[in-house]
Amino acid sequence: MNIRSLTRGDGVVIGAAVLLFIASFLSFTGSPDCSGLPAKYCQQAQGYASPNAWDALPTLMSMYLAGVIGAAIVVLSRLLPQQRKVAGLDPAQFGVALTLFAAWTGLWTVIGSTNAGAGLIIGLIATLILAGGAVATPLVPPLKVALVGAPKPQPAAAPYGAGPNPGYGYPGAQQQAGHGYGYPGAQQQPQGGQAYGQQAPVADGTAGGQTGATQAAGAPSDFAPFWFAVPVARPLYGEDGSPAPIAELAPGTWYLAVEQRGQALIAQTQDGRRGVLQDTTGIQRG
């Protein structure tokens, strides 16, 4: 069954069927008119009064339950992936006919009643809405609109396991705002960024005569700070050339590259320390 195949008209049918079922438990007839009658006869008349539709079997079956069953057939026929015919009849058409029969019975029951109660009046209103929704759904465009909208597409996964609450330095906020410390707007990427060393194409004739090929060379004079993430854990060495690492860059965290020295990068960690990242192969650029 596909619940997304239900329409607004089907929602009207379901609501009317629920109202009709509730009405069957309400007072079917009103209080008898005891004016001019002795008290004992009035008590007898009140005793014979039907409290709800479940004490009036013919009306219960032909009006209340007929309407509810008809609504169930109409809705189930929408949910089924393939339409199946019973004795050469479409179940949806049979359900619509049953709702019309319930409305017809309810109308004449109210007209013929001299003391209609709340359950009978509300039941008539429910059957009229029920029959109207079942008939008008295939014909009225607003009622053909899906009752349950299509699911929203899931956002693209962040690189290297960055989840909905990423760690230090995640450049998503800067990408949305279009600015932020050290994050160049021209390098924003819509999905996961790009590998280090790849630049977006730049049209010829820009200031200074630079082209995309010139920017791809990554000249230090053209360097702008950017965010990046490493695919695997990488050591960060001191700027003084010490052979001992001062920190380790972990995957799934964004770091800020503040300077380029040949093929190496000067990176800043979350606690503000700066060091040299010598192995820049495969890093993900924000």
Protein backbone atom coordinates (compact mmCIF):
# COMPACT_ATOMS: atom_id res chain seq x y z
CA MET A 1 0.00 0.00 0.00
CA ASN A 2 1.18 3.50 -0.88
CA ILE A 3 -0.10 6.14 1.54
CA ARG A 4 1.27 8.89 -0.72
CA SER A 5 -1.39 8.02 -3.29
CA LEU A 6 -4.09 9.48 -1.02
CA THR A 7 -5.45 12.89 -1.99
CA ARG A 8 -7.13 15.75 -0.17
CA GLY A 9 -10.48 14.37 -1.29
CA ASP A 10 -9.61 11.09 0.39
CA GLY A 11 -8.85 13.07 3.54
CA VAL A 12 -12.33 14.59 3.38
CA VAL A 13 -13.83 11.12 2.98
CA ILE A 14 -11.88 9.77 5.96
CA GLY A 15 -12.87 12.72 8.17
CA ALA A 16 -16.55 12.42 7.24
CA ALA A 17 -16.50 8.67 7.94
CA VAL A 18 -15.02 9.27 11.41
CA LEU A 19 -17.70 11.90 12.11
CA LEU A 20 -20.42 9.51 10.93
CA PHE A 21 -19.16 6.74 13.19
CA ILE A 22 -19.13 9.11 16.19
CA ALA A 23 -22.67 10.27 15.36
CA SER A 24 -23.91 6.68 15.59
CA PHE A 25 -23.30 6.80 19.36
CA LEU A 26 -25.17 10.07 19.88
CA SER A 27 -28.85 10.46 20.59
CA PHE A 28 -30.81 9.09 17.64
CA THR A 29 -34.12 10.68 18.69
CA GLY A 30 -34.87 13.70 20.82
CA SER A 31 -36.75 13.76 24.07
CA PRO A 32 -40.45 12.92 23.57
CA ASP A 33 -43.04 15.67 23.86
CA CYS A 34 -44.91 14.88 27.05
CA SER A 35 -47.15 17.94 27.02
CA GLY A 36 -50.70 16.96 27.97
CA LEU A 37 -49.70 13.40 28.96
CA PRO A 38 -49.78 11.92 32.43
CA ALA A 39 -46.40 11.43 34.06
CA LYS A 40 -46.51 7.63 33.83
CA TYR A 41 -47.16 7.71 30.07
CA CYS A 42 -44.35 10.21 29.61
CA GLN A 43 -41.96 7.89 31.43
CA GLN A 44 -43.05 5.02 29.21
CA ALA A 45 -42.48 7.14 26.10
CA GLN A 46 -39.02 8.07 27.31
CA GLY A 47 -38.30 4.40 27.93
CA TYR A 48 -39.17 3.49 24.35
CA ALA A 49 -37.01 6.31 22.95
CA SER A 50 -33.93 4.99 21.16
CA PRO A 51 -30.71 6.33 22.79
CA ASN A 52 -28.54 5.95 19.66
CA ALA A 53 -28.41 4.40 16.20
CA TRP A 54 -27.16 1.07 17.52
CA ASP A 55 -30.68 0.46 18.84
CA ALA A 56 -32.19 1.05 15.38
CA LEU A 57 -30.68 -1.74 13.31
CA PRO A 58 -32.20 -0.88 9.89
CA THR A 59 -30.97 2.72 10.02
CA LEU A 60 -27.62 1.66 11.49
CA MET A 61 -26.90 -0.72 8.62
CA SER A 62 -28.29 1.37 5.75
CA MET A 63 -26.97 4.75 6.84
CA TYR A 64 -24.16 4.71 9.37
CA LEU A 65 -22.30 1.47 8.65
CA ALA A 66 -23.02 1.72 4.92
CA GLY A 67 -21.32 5.11 4.84
CA VAL A 68 -18.32 3.96 6.86
CA ILE A 69 -17.87 0.81 4.78
CA GLY A 70 -18.21 2.80 1.55
CA ALA A 71 -15.53 5.23 2.72
CA ALA A 72 -13.22 2.36 3.64
CA ILE A 73 -13.63 0.82 0.17
CA VAL A 74 -12.91 4.15 -1.55
CA VAL A 75 -9.74 4.76 0.51
CA LEU A 76 -8.45 1.20 0.18
CA SER A 77 -8.91 1.31 -3.58
CA ARG A 78 -6.57 4.34 -3.64
CA LEU A 79 -3.96 2.58 -1.51
CA LEU A 80 -3.79 -0.59 -3.59
CA PRO A 81 -1.00 -0.50 -6.21
CA GLN A 82 -3.21 -2.18 -8.81
CA GLN A 83 -6.93 -1.78 -9.32
CA ARG A 84 -8.76 -5.10 -8.96
CA LYS A 85 -12.31 -5.69 -10.11
CA VAL A 86 -14.83 -7.73 -8.16
CA ALA A 87 -17.54 -9.31 -10.32
CA GLY A 88 -16.56 -6.95 -13.11
CA LEU A 89 -16.98 -3.86 -10.89
CA ASP A 90 -14.37 -1.36 -9.80
CA PRO A 91 -14.25 -1.35 -5.94
CA ALA A 92 -13.92 2.44 -5.90
CA GLN A 93 -17.12 2.84 -7.89
CA PHE A 94 -18.91 0.44 -5.57
CA GLY A 95 -17.67 2.42 -2.55
CA VAL A 96 -18.92 5.70 -4.05
CA ALA A 97 -22.32 4.12 -4.74
CA LEU A 98 -22.47 2.94 -1.12
CA THR A 99 -21.77 6.44 0.21
CA LEU A 100 -24.52 7.85 -2.02
CA PHE A 101 -26.91 5.22 -0.72
CA ALA A 102 -26.03 6.18 2.89
CA ALA A 103 -26.63 9.87 2.15
CA TRP A 104 -29.96 9.06 0.45
CA THR A 105 -31.08 6.97 3.43
CA GLY A 106 -30.01 9.63 5.92
CA LEU A 107 -31.89 12.36 4.04
CA TRP A 108 -35.20 10.52 4.02
CA THR A 109 -34.75 9.29 7.58
CA VAL A 110 -34.45 12.88 8.82
CA ILE A 111 -37.37 14.03 6.66
CA GLY A 112 -39.57 11.21 7.96
CA SER A 113 -38.58 11.72 11.59
CA THR A 114 -40.69 13.97 13.77
CA ASN A 115 -38.17 14.00 16.60
CA ALA A 116 -34.68 13.76 15.14
CA GLY A 117 -31.87 13.74 17.64
CA ALA A 118 -28.31 15.07 17.41
CA GLY A 119 -26.96 11.72 16.23
CA LEU A 120 -29.36 11.62 13.29
CA ILE A 121 -28.78 15.23 12.23
CA ILE A 122 -24.99 15.01 12.50
CA GLY A 123 -25.12 11.65 10.72
CA LEU A 124 -26.97 13.23 7.79
CA ILE A 125 -24.39 16.03 7.53
CA ALA A 126 -21.57 13.47 7.66
CA THR A 127 -23.11 11.31 4.91
CA LEU A 128 -23.61 14.34 2.64
CA ILE A 129 -19.97 15.37 3.09
CA LEU A 130 -18.87 11.78 2.64
CA ALA A 131 -20.79 11.29 -0.61
CA GLY A 132 -19.75 14.71 -1.92
CA GLY A 133 -16.06 14.02 -1.26
CA ALA A 134 -16.19 10.58 -2.85
CA VAL A 135 -17.88 11.87 -5.99
CA ALA A 136 -15.94 15.14 -6.37
CA THR A 137 -12.41 13.84 -5.72
CA PRO A 138 -11.76 12.61 -9.29
CA LEU A 139 -13.39 15.73 -10.77
CA VAL A 140 -12.19 18.74 -8.73
CA PRO A 141 -8.45 19.58 -9.17
CA PRO A 142 -7.88 20.93 -5.61
CA LEU A 143 -9.11 17.62 -4.22
CA LYS A 144 -6.65 15.70 -6.40
CA VAL A 145 -3.62 17.19 -4.62
CA ALA A 146 -1.62 14.63 -2.64
CA LEU A 147 -2.57 14.46 1.02
CA VAL A 148 1.00 13.61 2.08
CA GLY A 149 3.74 15.59 0.36
CA ALA A 150 6.86 14.03 -1.13
CA PRO A 151 9.81 13.62 1.26
CA LYS A 152 12.41 16.34 1.23
CA PRO A 153 15.77 15.40 -0.28
CA GLN A 154 18.47 14.62 2.22
CA PRO A 155 21.35 17.10 2.34
CA ALA A 156 24.65 16.00 0.87
CA ALA A 157 26.96 14.31 3.35
CA ALA A 158 29.83 16.39 4.63
CA PRO A 159 33.33 15.17 3.69
CA TYR A 160 35.19 12.74 5.92
CA GLY A 161 32.37 12.12 8.37
CA ALA A 162 31.48 15.66 9.35
CA GLY A 163 27.93 15.29 10.72
CA PRO A 164 25.14 17.76 11.48
CA ASN A 165 27.20 19.19 14.35
CA PRO A 166 30.70 19.33 12.86
CA GLY A 167 33.76 20.21 14.83
CA TYR A 168 36.07 23.18 14.90
CA GLY A 169 36.51 25.18 11.78
CA TYR A 170 33.66 23.74 9.71
CA PRO A 171 33.15 26.29 6.93
CA GLY A 172 29.40 25.75 6.39
CA ALA A 173 28.39 28.93 8.21
CA GLN A 174 30.87 30.99 6.21
CA GLN A 175 29.60 29.42 3.00
CA GLN A 176 26.06 30.49 3.81
CA ALA A 177 26.98 33.98 4.89
CA GLY A 178 29.39 34.45 2.00
CA HIS A 179 32.18 35.80 4.20
CA GLY A 180 34.14 35.02 7.31
CA TYR A 181 37.69 35.03 8.56
CA GLY A 182 40.11 33.36 6.22
CA TYR A 183 37.48 31.80 4.01
CA PRO A 184 37.51 33.18 0.46
CA GLY A 185 34.05 33.48 -1.08
CA ALA A 186 35.27 32.48 -4.55
CA GLN A 187 36.32 29.06 -3.23
CA GLN A 188 32.96 28.02 -1.74
CA GLN A 189 31.87 24.64 -3.00
CA PRO A 190 28.23 23.47 -3.03
CA GLN A 191 29.02 19.82 -2.30
CA GLY A 192 31.92 18.70 -0.22
CA GLY A 193 34.53 21.07 -1.65
CA GLN A 194 37.38 20.05 -3.94
CA ALA A 195 40.82 18.53 -3.66
CA TYR A 196 43.72 20.75 -2.74
CA GLY A 197 45.41 22.38 -5.70
CA GLN A 198 42.26 22.49 -7.87
CA GLN A 199 40.93 25.98 -8.53
CA ALA A 200 37.67 27.08 -10.12
CA PRO A 201 38.11 28.23 -13.76
CA VAL A 202 38.59 31.98 -14.12
CA ALA A 203 37.77 33.81 -17.34
CA ASP A 204 40.60 35.46 -19.29
CA GLY A 205 41.02 39.20 -19.04
CA THR A 206 40.86 39.46 -15.24
CA ALA A 207 42.89 42.03 -13.34
CA GLY A 208 46.59 41.50 -13.89
CA GLY A 209 46.02 39.16 -16.82
CA GLN A 210 45.77 36.05 -14.60
CA THR A 211 44.08 32.96 -16.02
CA GLY A 212 42.77 29.75 -14.48
CA ALA A 213 46.04 28.03 -15.32
CA THR A 214 48.00 30.70 -13.45
CA GLN A 215 45.83 30.28 -10.35
CA ALA A 216 46.11 26.50 -10.57
CA ALA A 217 49.86 26.87 -10.19
CA GLY A 218 49.19 28.03 -6.60
CA ALA A 219 51.77 30.81 -6.52
CA PRO A 220 52.42 32.04 -2.97
CA SER A 221 51.62 35.64 -3.97
CA ASP A 222 48.12 34.54 -4.93
CA PHE A 223 47.56 32.42 -1.83
CA ALA A 224 44.40 33.02 0.21
CA PRO A 225 43.59 31.18 3.46
CA PHE A 226 41.15 28.28 3.09
CA TRP A 227 39.64 25.47 5.10
CA PHE A 228 40.69 21.88 4.53
CA ALA A 229 40.36 18.38 5.96
CA VAL A 230 42.79 15.47 5.81
CA PRO A 231 41.75 11.99 4.63
CA VAL A 232 43.86 10.25 7.30
CA ALA A 233 45.71 11.38 10.39
CA ARG A 234 48.67 13.57 9.43
CA PRO A 235 51.48 14.96 11.67
CA LEU A 236 51.93 18.72 12.02
CA TYR A 237 55.53 19.86 12.46
CA GLY A 238 56.83 23.06 14.01
CA GLU A 239 57.67 26.05 11.86
CA ASP A 240 61.20 26.04 13.25
CA GLY A 241 61.99 22.83 11.37
CA SER A 242 61.97 20.57 14.42
CA PRO A 243 61.65 16.87 13.40
CA ALA A 244 59.22 16.11 16.25
CA PRO A 245 55.50 16.69 15.48
CA ILE A 246 53.75 19.33 17.56
CA ALA A 247 50.20 18.07 16.78
CA GLU A 248 48.28 15.59 14.70
CA LEU A 249 45.53 16.55 12.26
CA ALA A 250 42.56 14.18 12.47
CA PRO A 251 40.13 13.35 9.64
CA GLY A 252 36.61 14.72 9.93
CA THR A 253 37.81 18.08 11.32
CA TRP A 254 38.30 21.28 9.37
CA TYR A 255 41.56 23.19 9.73
CA LEU A 256 42.63 26.58 8.43
CA ALA A 257 45.52 26.85 5.96
CA VAL A 258 47.06 30.28 6.52
CA GLU A 259 50.18 30.08 4.35
CA GLN A 260 51.80 27.98 1.63
CA ARG A 261 55.46 27.01 1.55
CA GLY A 262 56.18 25.13 -1.64
CA GLN A 263 54.09 21.96 -1.49
CA ALA A 264 53.62 22.29 2.28
CA LEU A 265 50.96 24.26 4.13
CA ILE A 266 51.03 26.25 7.33
CA ALA A 267 47.94 25.03 9.21
CA GLN A 268 46.28 26.33 12.36
CA THR A 269 44.74 23.89 14.85
CA GLN A 270 41.65 24.38 16.99
CA ASP A 271 43.71 25.54 19.97
CA GLY A 272 45.47 28.21 17.87
CA ARG A 273 48.79 26.40 17.30
CA ARG A 274 50.42 26.73 13.90
CA GLY A 275 52.60 24.21 12.18
CA VAL A 276 53.77 22.79 8.86
CA LEU A 277 51.71 20.13 7.10
CA GLN A 278 54.27 18.48 4.85
CA ASP A 279 52.02 15.80 3.30
CA THR A 280 49.19 17.59 1.47
CA THR A 281 48.22 14.77 -0.90
CA GLY A 282 44.49 14.01 -1.04
CA ILE A 283 43.37 16.72 1.36
CA GLN A 284 39.80 17.97 0.95
CA ARG A 285 39.39 21.66 0.38
CA GLY A 286 36.36 23.47 1.84
